[in-house]
N, C-alpha and C. Protein backbone atom coordinates (compact mmCIF):
# COMPACT_ATOMS: atom_id res chain seq x y z
N MET A 1 11.08 -14.02 -22.90
CA MET A 1 11.08 -15.46 -21.66
C MET A 1 10.74 -14.94 -20.53
N ASP A 2 10.03 -15.77 -20.45
CA ASP A 2 9.28 -16.10 -18.82
C ASP A 2 10.25 -16.67 -17.97
N ASN A 3 10.37 -15.67 -16.93
CA ASN A 3 10.90 -16.54 -15.98
C ASN A 3 10.41 -17.55 -15.10
N GLN A 4 8.89 -17.84 -14.94
CA GLN A 4 8.58 -18.84 -14.47
C GLN A 4 8.32 -20.07 -15.25
N GLU A 5 8.75 -21.18 -15.10
CA GLU A 5 8.02 -22.34 -15.31
C GLU A 5 6.93 -23.18 -14.71
N LYS A 6 6.15 -23.71 -15.04
CA LYS A 6 5.30 -24.70 -14.70
C LYS A 6 5.85 -25.32 -13.80
N GLU A 7 4.49 -24.87 -12.76
CA GLU A 7 4.86 -25.18 -10.99
C GLU A 7 3.76 -25.38 -10.76
N PRO A 8 3.65 -25.91 -9.28
CA PRO A 8 2.68 -25.81 -8.79
C PRO A 8 2.24 -24.34 -8.13
N MET A 9 0.78 -23.98 -8.73
CA MET A 9 0.27 -22.95 -7.99
C MET A 9 0.46 -22.36 -6.94
N PHE A 10 0.85 -23.21 -5.54
CA PHE A 10 1.42 -22.49 -4.15
C PHE A 10 2.25 -22.89 -4.23
N SER A 11 3.65 -22.88 -5.02
CA SER A 11 4.65 -23.60 -4.67
C SER A 11 5.66 -22.46 -3.70
N ALA A 12 6.50 -23.24 -3.27
CA ALA A 12 7.53 -22.11 -2.31
C ALA A 12 7.99 -21.58 -2.98
N LYS A 13 7.98 -21.55 -4.35
CA LYS A 13 8.59 -19.78 -5.28
C LYS A 13 7.54 -18.54 -4.92
N ASN A 14 6.43 -19.28 -5.46
CA ASN A 14 5.35 -18.76 -5.47
C ASN A 14 4.62 -17.97 -4.23
N LEU A 15 5.02 -18.64 -3.06
CA LEU A 15 4.60 -18.26 -2.06
C LEU A 15 5.19 -17.11 -1.24
N LYS A 16 6.39 -16.92 -1.71
CA LYS A 16 7.72 -16.00 -1.66
C LYS A 16 7.22 -14.97 -2.38
N LEU A 17 6.43 -14.94 -2.97
CA LEU A 17 5.76 -14.02 -4.05
C LEU A 17 4.93 -12.66 -3.13
N LEU A 18 4.20 -13.72 -2.31
CA LEU A 18 3.56 -13.42 -1.76
C LEU A 18 3.43 -12.82 -0.14
N THR A 19 4.16 -13.14 0.48
CA THR A 19 5.15 -12.91 1.55
C THR A 19 6.20 -12.35 2.02
N GLY A 20 6.71 -12.40 0.51
CA GLY A 20 8.11 -11.57 0.76
C GLY A 20 8.17 -10.16 1.12
N PRO A 21 7.44 -9.40 0.74
CA PRO A 21 6.37 -8.11 0.78
C PRO A 21 6.26 -7.66 2.11
N LEU A 22 5.71 -8.59 3.07
CA LEU A 22 4.77 -8.78 3.97
C LEU A 22 6.08 -8.37 4.80
N GLY A 23 7.63 -8.44 4.75
CA GLY A 23 8.92 -8.42 5.40
C GLY A 23 10.08 -8.06 4.76
N LYS A 24 10.90 -8.95 4.46
CA LYS A 24 11.97 -8.56 4.23
C LYS A 24 12.22 -7.67 3.03
N ASN A 25 10.91 -7.72 2.26
CA ASN A 25 11.08 -7.23 1.32
C ASN A 25 9.73 -6.28 1.08
N ASN A 26 9.47 -5.56 1.79
CA ASN A 26 8.45 -4.73 2.05
C ASN A 26 8.14 -3.68 1.22
N PRO A 27 7.54 -3.06 0.81
CA PRO A 27 8.27 -1.88 -0.57
C PRO A 27 8.27 -0.61 0.17
N ILE A 28 7.64 -0.64 1.32
CA ILE A 28 7.72 1.01 1.60
C ILE A 28 9.00 0.86 3.03
N THR A 29 9.01 -0.33 3.92
CA THR A 29 10.19 -0.09 4.69
C THR A 29 12.16 -0.62 4.20
N VAL A 30 12.01 -1.54 2.96
CA VAL A 30 12.98 -1.97 2.21
C VAL A 30 13.39 -0.42 1.55
N GLN A 31 12.42 -0.61 -0.01
CA GLN A 31 12.32 0.11 -0.97
C GLN A 31 12.21 1.75 -0.76
N VAL A 32 11.81 1.91 0.34
CA VAL A 32 11.01 3.41 0.45
C VAL A 32 10.16 3.66 -0.80
N LEU A 33 9.32 2.84 -0.93
CA LEU A 33 8.08 3.26 -2.07
C LEU A 33 7.20 4.28 -1.50
N GLY A 34 6.07 4.43 -2.33
CA GLY A 34 4.66 4.74 -1.79
C GLY A 34 4.55 5.66 -0.53
N ILE A 35 5.84 6.57 0.26
CA ILE A 35 5.44 7.28 1.60
C ILE A 35 4.09 8.05 1.83
N CYS A 36 4.50 8.86 0.20
CA CYS A 36 3.24 10.09 0.09
C CYS A 36 1.64 9.92 0.70
N SER A 37 1.73 8.44 0.48
CA SER A 37 0.05 7.87 0.96
C SER A 37 0.06 8.94 2.51
N ALA A 38 0.98 7.47 3.22
CA ALA A 38 1.37 7.77 4.72
C ALA A 38 1.04 9.28 4.94
N LEU A 39 1.51 10.37 4.24
CA LEU A 39 0.93 12.13 4.91
C LEU A 39 -0.01 11.79 4.41
N ALA A 40 -1.13 11.82 3.70
CA ALA A 40 -2.28 12.05 3.46
C ALA A 40 -3.57 11.38 3.80
N VAL A 41 -3.50 10.09 4.02
CA VAL A 41 -4.52 9.74 4.41
C VAL A 41 -4.90 8.53 5.34
N THR A 42 -3.83 8.98 6.39
CA THR A 42 -3.60 8.15 7.82
C THR A 42 -3.61 8.89 9.09
N VAL A 43 -4.69 10.25 8.74
CA VAL A 43 -5.04 10.92 10.29
C VAL A 43 -6.52 9.64 10.89
N LYS A 44 -6.90 9.40 10.17
CA LYS A 44 -7.78 7.72 10.46
C LYS A 44 -7.90 6.38 9.98
N LEU A 45 -7.74 5.44 10.76
CA LEU A 45 -7.94 4.22 10.55
C LEU A 45 -8.81 3.75 9.06
N LYS A 46 -9.79 4.28 8.81
CA LYS A 46 -11.34 4.17 7.96
C LYS A 46 -10.65 4.40 6.42
N PRO A 47 -10.32 5.10 6.62
CA PRO A 47 -9.62 5.88 5.22
C PRO A 47 -8.00 4.84 4.85
N ALA A 48 -7.16 5.09 6.00
CA ALA A 48 -5.97 4.36 5.62
C ALA A 48 -6.41 3.04 5.00
N LEU A 49 -7.27 2.10 5.74
CA LEU A 49 -7.75 1.02 5.33
C LEU A 49 -8.19 0.79 3.81
N VAL A 50 -9.32 1.65 3.27
CA VAL A 50 -9.59 1.88 2.72
C VAL A 50 -8.63 2.13 1.18
N MET A 51 -7.56 2.59 1.39
CA MET A 51 -6.79 2.90 0.53
C MET A 51 -5.99 2.02 0.42
N ALA A 52 -5.48 1.34 1.37
CA ALA A 52 -4.54 -0.15 1.36
C ALA A 52 -5.37 -0.80 0.46
N LEU A 53 -6.19 -1.34 0.54
CA LEU A 53 -7.46 -2.06 -0.32
C LEU A 53 -7.58 -1.58 -1.93
N SER A 54 -7.59 -0.91 -2.18
CA SER A 54 -7.57 0.71 -3.23
C SER A 54 -6.75 -0.23 -4.18
N VAL A 55 -5.28 0.58 -3.41
CA VAL A 55 -3.87 0.12 -4.15
C VAL A 55 -3.60 -1.63 -4.37
N THR A 56 -4.36 -2.45 -3.53
CA THR A 56 -3.51 -3.79 -3.32
C THR A 56 -4.36 -4.37 -4.70
N ILE A 57 -6.07 -3.65 -4.98
CA ILE A 57 -6.70 -4.39 -5.78
C ILE A 57 -6.18 -3.32 -7.25
N VAL A 58 -5.82 -2.77 -7.42
CA VAL A 58 -5.34 -2.09 -8.66
C VAL A 58 -3.65 -2.34 -8.65
N LEU A 59 -3.46 -2.82 -7.89
CA LEU A 59 -1.86 -3.93 -7.73
C LEU A 59 -1.63 -4.84 -9.05
N ALA A 60 -2.64 -5.95 -7.97
CA ALA A 60 -2.71 -7.06 -8.63
C ALA A 60 -3.08 -7.24 -9.99
N VAL A 61 -4.51 -6.55 -10.30
CA VAL A 61 -5.18 -6.04 -11.24
C VAL A 61 -4.37 -5.91 -12.68
N SER A 62 -3.97 -5.06 -12.00
CA SER A 62 -2.76 -4.11 -13.31
C SER A 62 -1.94 -5.50 -13.92
N ASN A 63 -0.88 -5.84 -12.47
CA ASN A 63 -0.24 -6.91 -12.57
C ASN A 63 -0.48 -7.85 -13.64
N VAL A 64 -1.95 -8.38 -13.27
CA VAL A 64 -2.36 -9.13 -13.85
C VAL A 64 -2.79 -9.25 -15.58
N VAL A 65 -3.25 -8.25 -16.03
CA VAL A 65 -3.29 -7.37 -17.51
C VAL A 65 -2.15 -7.05 -17.86
N ILE A 66 -1.64 -6.44 -17.46
CA ILE A 66 0.47 -6.34 -18.50
C ILE A 66 0.67 -8.12 -18.46
N ALA A 67 0.68 -8.48 -17.17
CA ALA A 67 0.85 -10.11 -17.39
C ALA A 67 1.01 -10.71 -18.82
N ALA A 68 -0.52 -10.91 -19.17
CA ALA A 68 -1.08 -11.28 -19.74
C ALA A 68 -1.12 -10.59 -21.49
N LEU A 69 -0.73 -9.61 -21.03
CA LEU A 69 -0.57 -8.49 -22.36
C LEU A 69 1.18 -8.34 -22.96
N ARG A 70 1.82 -8.89 -21.87
CA ARG A 70 3.59 -8.20 -21.98
C ARG A 70 3.92 -8.92 -23.28
N LYS A 71 3.65 -9.83 -24.31
CA LYS A 71 4.27 -9.55 -25.52
C LYS A 71 3.87 -9.59 -26.71
N SER A 72 2.44 -8.66 -26.27
CA SER A 72 2.17 -8.12 -27.33
C SER A 72 2.50 -6.28 -27.41
N ILE A 73 2.99 -5.98 -25.86
CA ILE A 73 2.81 -4.87 -26.20
C ILE A 73 4.43 -4.06 -26.80
N PRO A 74 4.62 -3.01 -27.53
CA PRO A 74 5.51 -2.73 -28.06
C PRO A 74 6.59 -1.80 -27.04
N ASP A 75 7.85 -1.95 -27.21
CA ASP A 75 8.66 -1.73 -25.55
C ASP A 75 8.61 -0.13 -25.79
N ARG A 76 8.42 0.54 -27.15
CA ARG A 76 8.40 2.49 -27.21
C ARG A 76 7.19 2.64 -26.15
N ILE A 77 5.37 1.77 -26.15
CA ILE A 77 4.55 2.00 -25.42
C ILE A 77 4.40 1.37 -24.37
N ARG A 78 5.15 0.82 -23.55
CA ARG A 78 4.64 0.18 -22.59
C ARG A 78 4.50 0.98 -21.60
N ILE A 79 5.27 1.74 -21.39
CA ILE A 79 4.66 2.90 -20.07
C ILE A 79 3.34 3.38 -20.20
N ILE A 80 2.94 4.20 -21.34
CA ILE A 80 1.42 4.18 -21.94
C ILE A 80 0.68 3.41 -21.48
N VAL A 81 0.91 2.02 -22.36
CA VAL A 81 -0.27 1.34 -22.04
C VAL A 81 -0.15 0.63 -20.31
N GLN A 82 0.50 1.15 -19.77
CA GLN A 82 0.54 0.68 -17.72
C GLN A 82 -0.41 1.46 -17.59
N LEU A 83 -0.10 2.72 -18.09
CA LEU A 83 -1.05 4.20 -17.21
C LEU A 83 -2.19 3.81 -17.82
N VAL A 84 -2.65 3.42 -18.69
CA VAL A 84 -3.76 3.28 -19.60
C VAL A 84 -4.59 2.45 -18.41
N VAL A 85 -4.03 1.12 -18.19
CA VAL A 85 -3.95 0.06 -17.39
C VAL A 85 -4.32 0.59 -15.87
N ILE A 86 -3.82 0.99 -15.39
CA ILE A 86 -3.68 1.78 -14.00
C ILE A 86 -4.78 2.82 -13.75
N ALA A 87 -4.95 3.84 -14.91
CA ALA A 87 -6.27 4.59 -14.70
C ALA A 87 -7.46 4.11 -15.09
N THR A 88 -7.71 3.37 -15.93
CA THR A 88 -9.17 2.71 -15.76
C THR A 88 -9.02 1.78 -14.36
N LEU A 89 -8.46 1.37 -13.75
CA LEU A 89 -8.78 0.56 -12.57
C LEU A 89 -9.31 1.47 -11.61
N VAL A 90 -7.96 2.26 -11.62
CA VAL A 90 -8.35 3.50 -10.46
C VAL A 90 -9.80 4.15 -10.68
N ILE A 91 -10.10 4.55 -11.97
CA ILE A 91 -11.32 5.23 -11.90
C ILE A 91 -12.61 4.57 -11.47
N LEU A 92 -12.25 2.88 -11.57
CA LEU A 92 -13.45 2.35 -11.52
C LEU A 92 -13.32 1.89 -9.86
N VAL A 93 -12.43 2.03 -9.67
CA VAL A 93 -12.49 1.41 -7.75
C VAL A 93 -12.67 2.79 -7.21
N ASP A 94 -12.62 4.45 -7.65
CA ASP A 94 -13.00 5.81 -7.51
C ASP A 94 -14.54 5.74 -7.53
N GLN A 95 -14.71 5.17 -8.48
CA GLN A 95 -16.64 5.39 -8.96
C GLN A 95 -17.37 4.10 -7.99
N ILE A 96 -16.60 3.37 -7.42
CA ILE A 96 -17.49 1.78 -6.52
C ILE A 96 -16.92 3.17 -5.44
N LEU A 97 -16.35 3.64 -5.10
CA LEU A 97 -16.07 4.28 -3.24
C LEU A 97 -17.27 5.32 -3.34
N LYS A 98 -17.58 6.40 -4.35
CA LYS A 98 -18.17 7.11 -4.76
C LYS A 98 -19.59 6.88 -4.00
N ALA A 99 -19.51 5.14 -5.01
CA ALA A 99 -21.02 4.59 -4.88
C ALA A 99 -21.74 4.32 -3.73
N TYR A 100 -20.49 3.34 -2.89
CA TYR A 100 -20.83 2.55 -1.65
C TYR A 100 -20.14 2.87 -0.26
N LEU A 101 -18.97 3.74 -0.36
CA LEU A 101 -18.18 4.64 0.40
C LEU A 101 -18.05 5.90 0.83
N PHE A 102 -19.24 6.94 0.53
CA PHE A 102 -18.89 8.27 -0.60
C PHE A 102 -18.14 8.92 0.69
N ASP A 103 -18.87 8.91 1.96
CA ASP A 103 -17.94 9.82 3.40
C ASP A 103 -16.48 9.50 3.03
N VAL A 104 -15.88 8.00 2.87
CA VAL A 104 -14.52 8.11 2.77
C VAL A 104 -14.39 8.28 1.63
N SER A 105 -14.40 8.39 0.71
CA SER A 105 -14.41 9.18 -1.01
C SER A 105 -14.03 10.28 -0.43
N LYS A 106 -14.68 10.92 0.17
CA LYS A 106 -14.54 12.88 0.43
C LYS A 106 -13.77 12.76 1.21
N GLN A 107 -12.95 12.08 1.99
CA GLN A 107 -11.81 12.23 3.03
C GLN A 107 -10.78 11.84 2.01
N LEU A 108 -10.69 10.73 1.21
CA LEU A 108 -9.44 10.60 0.52
C LEU A 108 -9.34 11.25 -0.78
N SER A 109 -10.25 11.94 -0.81
CA SER A 109 -10.37 13.27 -2.22
C SER A 109 -9.65 13.10 -3.11
N VAL A 110 -8.76 13.75 -3.95
CA VAL A 110 -8.09 13.37 -4.53
C VAL A 110 -6.67 12.01 -4.89
N PHE A 111 -6.27 11.88 -3.68
CA PHE A 111 -5.82 11.09 -3.54
C PHE A 111 -5.78 9.10 -3.89
N VAL A 112 -7.15 9.22 -4.62
CA VAL A 112 -7.24 8.11 -4.66
C VAL A 112 -6.96 8.16 -6.53
N GLY A 113 -7.22 9.43 -6.99
CA GLY A 113 -6.54 9.41 -8.49
C GLY A 113 -5.39 9.41 -8.22
N LEU A 114 -4.69 9.74 -7.49
CA LEU A 114 -3.53 9.84 -7.58
C LEU A 114 -2.59 8.43 -7.28
N ILE A 115 -3.49 7.15 -6.82
CA ILE A 115 -2.88 6.00 -6.79
C ILE A 115 -2.02 5.66 -8.54
N ILE A 116 -3.01 6.00 -9.69
CA ILE A 116 -2.35 6.23 -10.85
C ILE A 116 -0.69 6.54 -10.89
N THR A 117 -0.31 7.19 -9.82
CA THR A 117 1.44 8.16 -10.13
C THR A 117 1.85 7.28 -9.05
N ASN A 118 1.40 6.19 -8.42
CA ASN A 118 2.07 5.54 -7.05
C ASN A 118 3.26 4.85 -7.51
N CYS A 119 4.24 5.13 -7.34
CA CYS A 119 5.60 4.22 -7.92
C CYS A 119 5.88 3.02 -7.70
N ILE A 120 4.62 2.09 -6.49
CA ILE A 120 5.09 0.63 -5.69
C ILE A 120 4.18 0.10 -7.29
N ILE A 121 3.19 0.88 -7.89
CA ILE A 121 2.20 -0.11 -8.49
C ILE A 121 3.11 0.22 -10.16
N MET A 122 3.76 1.03 -10.58
CA MET A 122 4.95 1.42 -11.52
C MET A 122 6.16 0.56 -11.29
N GLY A 123 6.33 0.55 -10.49
CA GLY A 123 7.63 -0.04 -10.16
C GLY A 123 7.27 -2.07 -10.26
N ARG A 124 6.24 -2.70 -10.08
CA ARG A 124 6.00 -3.74 -10.10
C ARG A 124 5.98 -3.97 -11.54
N LEU A 125 4.92 -3.59 -11.99
CA LEU A 125 4.21 -3.57 -13.45
C LEU A 125 5.87 -3.48 -14.14
N GLU A 126 6.82 -2.52 -14.09
CA GLU A 126 8.13 -2.63 -14.64
C GLU A 126 9.12 -3.91 -14.39
N ALA A 127 9.14 -4.28 -13.03
CA ALA A 127 10.26 -5.20 -12.72
C ALA A 127 9.66 -6.55 -12.88
N PHE A 128 8.22 -6.69 -12.52
CA PHE A 128 7.69 -8.09 -12.39
C PHE A 128 6.76 -8.60 -13.39
N ALA A 129 5.58 -7.89 -13.25
CA ALA A 129 4.78 -8.09 -14.60
C ALA A 129 4.85 -8.12 -16.00
N LEU A 130 6.19 -7.57 -16.77
CA LEU A 130 7.09 -7.74 -17.91
C LEU A 130 7.44 -8.85 -18.39
N ALA A 131 7.97 -9.49 -17.26
CA ALA A 131 8.52 -10.71 -17.00
C ALA A 131 7.83 -11.90 -16.90
N ASN A 132 6.93 -11.97 -16.46
CA ASN A 132 6.09 -12.94 -15.60
C ASN A 132 4.45 -13.26 -15.96
N LYS A 133 4.47 -14.36 -15.67
CA LYS A 133 3.28 -14.85 -16.18
C LYS A 133 2.16 -14.18 -15.24
N PRO A 134 0.92 -14.17 -15.84
CA PRO A 134 -0.06 -13.70 -14.88
C PRO A 134 -0.59 -14.28 -13.35
N TRP A 135 -0.32 -15.71 -13.07
CA TRP A 135 -0.83 -15.97 -11.67
C TRP A 135 -0.01 -15.73 -10.75
N PRO A 136 1.73 -15.65 -11.06
CA PRO A 136 2.73 -14.93 -9.70
C PRO A 136 2.59 -13.46 -10.35
N SER A 137 2.14 -12.69 -11.41
CA SER A 137 2.30 -11.89 -11.30
C SER A 137 1.28 -11.09 -10.47
N PHE A 138 0.47 -12.05 -9.91
CA PHE A 138 -1.21 -11.42 -9.48
C PHE A 138 -0.72 -11.68 -7.92
N LEU A 139 0.31 -13.12 -7.43
CA LEU A 139 0.80 -12.64 -6.28
C LEU A 139 1.86 -11.76 -5.96
N ASP A 140 2.36 -11.23 -6.86
CA ASP A 140 3.39 -10.56 -6.50
C ASP A 140 2.74 -8.87 -6.21
N GLY A 141 1.59 -8.81 -7.27
CA GLY A 141 0.70 -7.62 -6.67
C GLY A 141 0.18 -7.56 -5.64
N LEU A 142 -0.58 -8.95 -4.96
CA LEU A 142 -1.33 -9.13 -3.72
C LEU A 142 -0.39 -8.83 -2.86
N GLY A 143 0.90 -9.25 -2.59
CA GLY A 143 1.89 -9.13 -1.65
C GLY A 143 2.44 -7.68 -1.38
N ASN A 144 2.83 -7.24 -2.64
CA ASN A 144 3.05 -5.75 -2.41
C ASN A 144 1.92 -4.73 -1.83
N GLY A 145 1.15 -5.19 -2.48
CA GLY A 145 -0.21 -4.22 -2.40
C GLY A 145 -0.49 -4.58 -0.71
N ALA A 146 -0.17 -5.70 0.44
CA ALA A 146 -0.42 -5.78 1.40
C ALA A 146 0.78 -5.48 2.07
N GLY A 147 1.59 -5.39 1.85
CA GLY A 147 2.97 -4.76 2.32
C GLY A 147 3.14 -3.22 2.71
N TYR A 148 2.47 -2.77 1.49
CA TYR A 148 1.85 -1.80 0.75
C TYR A 148 1.17 -1.03 2.55
N GLY A 149 -0.26 -1.96 2.59
CA GLY A 149 -1.24 -1.61 3.32
C GLY A 149 -1.12 -2.01 5.01
N ILE A 150 0.11 -2.60 5.02
CA ILE A 150 0.49 -3.17 6.56
C ILE A 150 0.43 -2.15 7.35
N ILE A 151 1.94 -1.32 6.32
CA ILE A 151 2.62 0.39 7.37
C ILE A 151 1.37 1.05 6.98
N LEU A 152 0.84 1.30 5.78
CA LEU A 152 -0.33 2.60 6.17
C LEU A 152 -1.42 1.72 7.39
N ILE A 153 -2.09 0.81 7.75
CA ILE A 153 -2.69 0.86 8.98
C ILE A 153 -2.09 0.99 10.04
N ILE A 154 -0.59 0.57 10.47
CA ILE A 154 0.03 1.07 11.53
C ILE A 154 -0.03 2.25 12.00
N VAL A 155 0.61 3.05 11.16
CA VAL A 155 0.72 4.43 10.89
C VAL A 155 -0.70 5.20 11.32
N ALA A 156 -1.57 4.47 10.68
CA ALA A 156 -3.26 5.31 10.78
C ALA A 156 -3.47 5.03 12.10
N PHE A 157 -3.13 3.57 13.14
CA PHE A 157 -3.89 3.55 14.08
C PHE A 157 -2.91 4.22 14.92
N LEU A 158 -1.47 4.61 15.14
CA LEU A 158 -0.68 5.44 15.88
C LEU A 158 -1.60 6.80 16.23
N ARG A 159 -1.84 7.40 15.06
CA ARG A 159 -2.12 8.92 14.97
C ARG A 159 -3.35 8.73 15.32
N GLU A 160 -4.50 8.38 14.97
CA GLU A 160 -5.42 8.17 15.28
C GLU A 160 -6.21 7.56 16.49
N PHE A 161 -5.51 6.67 17.58
CA PHE A 161 -5.28 6.47 18.60
C PHE A 161 -4.61 7.89 19.57
N LEU A 162 -3.25 7.96 19.28
CA LEU A 162 -2.60 9.16 19.68
C LEU A 162 -3.29 10.32 19.40
N GLY A 163 -3.81 10.22 18.67
CA GLY A 163 -4.42 11.87 18.15
C GLY A 163 -5.99 12.48 18.50
N SER A 164 -6.44 11.65 18.43
CA SER A 164 -8.11 11.53 18.51
C SER A 164 -8.57 10.94 19.52
N GLY A 165 -7.76 9.80 20.46
CA GLY A 165 -8.21 8.67 21.03
C GLY A 165 -9.31 8.01 20.56
N THR A 166 -8.99 7.78 19.64
CA THR A 166 -10.29 6.82 19.26
C THR A 166 -9.77 5.54 17.94
N ILE A 167 -10.86 4.29 17.42
CA ILE A 167 -10.54 3.56 17.04
C ILE A 167 -11.34 3.26 15.66
N PHE A 168 -11.10 3.57 14.94
CA PHE A 168 -12.33 3.58 13.98
C PHE A 168 -13.38 4.47 14.16
N GLY A 169 -12.93 5.57 14.97
CA GLY A 169 -14.37 6.08 15.19
C GLY A 169 -14.70 6.36 16.81
N TYR A 170 -14.27 4.79 17.03
CA TYR A 170 -14.85 4.57 18.64
C TYR A 170 -13.87 4.90 19.41
N PRO A 171 -14.32 5.67 20.52
CA PRO A 171 -14.44 6.77 21.64
C PRO A 171 -13.17 6.19 22.50
N VAL A 172 -12.24 4.98 22.59
CA VAL A 172 -11.59 3.86 23.46
C VAL A 172 -10.67 4.99 24.10
N LEU A 173 -10.31 5.86 24.16
CA LEU A 173 -9.71 6.54 25.44
C LEU A 173 -10.38 7.08 26.32
N GLU A 174 -11.35 7.50 25.96
CA GLU A 174 -12.89 7.97 26.87
C GLU A 174 -13.36 6.80 27.41
N LYS A 175 -13.73 6.05 26.91
CA LYS A 175 -14.22 4.44 27.41
C LYS A 175 -13.20 3.63 28.60
N LEU A 176 -12.15 3.96 28.35
CA LEU A 176 -11.24 3.52 29.51
C LEU A 176 -11.21 4.63 30.81
N GLY A 177 -11.39 5.59 30.57
CA GLY A 177 -11.86 7.02 31.68
C GLY A 177 -9.98 7.24 31.67
N LEU A 178 -9.55 7.60 30.73
CA LEU A 178 -8.09 7.92 30.51
C LEU A 178 -8.12 9.64 30.90
N TYR A 179 -9.46 10.47 30.54
CA TYR A 179 -9.26 11.78 30.05
C TYR A 179 -9.79 12.56 31.09
N LYS A 180 -10.46 11.55 32.67
CA LYS A 180 -10.51 11.90 33.59
C LYS A 180 -9.39 12.11 34.77
N THR A 181 -8.37 11.69 34.24
CA THR A 181 -6.85 11.45 34.84
C THR A 181 -6.11 12.82 34.66
N GLY A 182 -6.80 13.75 33.22
CA GLY A 182 -6.15 14.66 32.77
C GLY A 182 -5.02 14.47 31.75
N TYR A 183 -5.64 13.43 31.09
CA TYR A 183 -4.87 13.00 29.72
C TYR A 183 -5.58 13.80 28.61
N GLU A 184 -4.65 13.98 27.73
CA GLU A 184 -5.23 15.25 26.59
C GLU A 184 -4.53 14.20 25.10
N ASN A 185 -5.87 14.77 24.31
CA ASN A 185 -4.99 14.10 22.79
C ASN A 185 -3.97 14.74 22.64
N ASN A 186 -3.33 13.89 21.83
CA ASN A 186 -1.88 14.76 21.21
C ASN A 186 -2.07 15.32 19.76
N GLY A 187 -2.07 16.50 19.45
CA GLY A 187 -2.99 17.00 18.27
C GLY A 187 -1.60 17.32 17.23
N MET A 188 -0.29 16.99 18.21
CA MET A 188 0.81 17.08 16.72
C MET A 188 0.82 15.89 16.16
N VAL A 189 0.59 14.96 16.24
CA VAL A 189 0.34 13.13 16.37
C VAL A 189 -0.64 13.69 14.63
N ILE A 190 -1.61 14.14 14.75
CA ILE A 190 -1.82 14.37 13.50
C ILE A 190 -1.93 15.52 12.21
N LEU A 191 -0.61 15.98 12.89
CA LEU A 191 -0.56 16.60 11.16
C LEU A 191 0.73 15.95 10.71
N PRO A 192 0.87 16.72 9.53
CA PRO A 192 1.41 15.35 8.49
C PRO A 192 2.71 14.94 8.65
N PRO A 193 3.48 16.07 9.22
CA PRO A 193 4.93 15.74 9.30
C PRO A 193 4.78 14.42 10.43
N MET A 194 3.98 14.00 11.42
CA MET A 194 4.58 13.09 12.30
C MET A 194 4.13 11.54 11.79
N ALA A 195 3.36 11.89 10.43
CA ALA A 195 3.01 10.81 9.60
C ALA A 195 4.38 10.15 9.08
N LEU A 196 5.11 11.00 8.58
CA LEU A 196 6.26 10.69 7.84
C LEU A 196 7.48 10.16 9.11
N ILE A 197 7.44 10.65 10.26
CA ILE A 197 8.30 10.50 11.25
C ILE A 197 8.05 8.92 11.97
N PHE A 198 6.55 8.70 12.11
CA PHE A 198 6.38 7.47 12.02
C PHE A 198 6.67 6.71 11.42
N VAL A 199 6.85 6.82 9.85
CA VAL A 199 7.29 5.80 8.97
C VAL A 199 8.57 6.00 9.28
N GLY A 200 9.62 6.88 9.14
CA GLY A 200 10.94 6.72 9.47
C GLY A 200 11.36 5.99 10.62
N LEU A 201 10.30 5.89 11.83
CA LEU A 201 10.62 4.89 12.72
C LEU A 201 10.60 3.54 11.94
N ILE A 202 9.44 3.49 11.87
CA ILE A 202 9.10 1.65 11.49
C ILE A 202 10.35 1.48 10.59
N ILE A 203 10.65 2.08 9.31
CA ILE A 203 11.76 1.55 8.38
C ILE A 203 13.11 1.37 9.58
N TRP A 204 13.35 2.11 10.90
CA TRP A 204 13.94 1.95 11.64
C TRP A 204 14.12 1.15 12.26
N TYR A 205 13.08 0.14 12.81
CA TYR A 205 12.84 -0.55 13.65
C TYR A 205 13.28 -1.65 12.79
N HIS A 206 12.56 -1.68 11.71
CA HIS A 206 12.53 -3.15 10.60
C HIS A 206 14.25 -3.21 10.29
N ARG A 207 15.00 -2.15 9.97
CA ARG A 207 16.11 -2.31 9.29
C ARG A 207 17.30 -2.57 10.75
N SER A 208 16.88 -2.33 11.84
CA SER A 208 17.61 -2.51 13.29
C SER A 208 17.47 -3.89 13.27
N ARG A 209 16.43 -4.84 13.18
CA ARG A 209 15.91 -5.98 12.88
C ARG A 209 16.89 -7.00 12.12
N ASP A 210 16.60 -6.27 11.20
CA ASP A 210 17.31 -7.32 10.14
C ASP A 210 18.49 -6.48 9.40
N LYS A 211 19.82 -6.87 10.17
CA LYS A 211 21.72 -6.46 9.35
C LYS A 211 21.73 -6.85 8.35
N SER A 212 20.90 -7.36 7.10
CA SER A 212 21.52 -7.75 5.61
C SER A 212 20.59 -6.84 4.92
N LEU A 213 19.64 -5.55 5.53
CA LEU A 213 19.07 -4.51 5.20
C LEU A 213 19.98 -3.43 5.04
N VAL A 214 20.61 -3.41 5.78
CA VAL A 214 21.78 -2.56 6.37
C VAL A 214 22.41 -2.54 5.23
N GLU A 215 23.30 -3.76 5.33
CA GLU A 215 23.95 -3.97 4.13
C GLU A 215 24.39 -3.96 2.86
N LYS A 216 23.06 -3.59 2.64
CA LYS A 216 22.36 -4.10 1.01
C LYS A 216 22.87 -2.54 0.82
N GLN A 217 22.38 -1.31 1.49
CA GLN A 217 22.72 0.19 1.27
C GLN A 217 23.96 0.01 0.91
């Protein structure tokens, strides 16, 4: 049975699928999924942005594919089918990055391949795409990918700015002349544990502003 009846493409219900994960239903701050990427690819903004876009594309397209095939996928092999779809898309994304953004591809290294095991993607396929039509599944994938990406970009911005004094490699603090005042980059910020601390602070801030999230725990 489909959960979606015929309705306008951009109905309030569909728009909620797109906007909900950006705030109240964010996959990282609310569901605490996909935080491993924050440790690996957020030292600089550029690789974090590319990772966010990659995950969003894979999630949105795989949601559509699984939603389109949902009635013909035997329940016993649904996980295998999902993994095949995700792996195919990840390989395509990886090859495109190597062809057009080779420097970023080298920085991301094996973490592009690990998109296959990203729990946000598997979670949305299981929880949403298998029970809904392609269009709302696409919006759900796009929204959750964007919600994931926002957190990744915030963490990367803080780590690059405080740890390297740059934004997208541009020497912001040097141009502002702060180094002449005795300021030094905080080397601790670019260490992996600090990424987890920043994610924790973002989760705390988000939940402190929305008490309903705490009540659900």
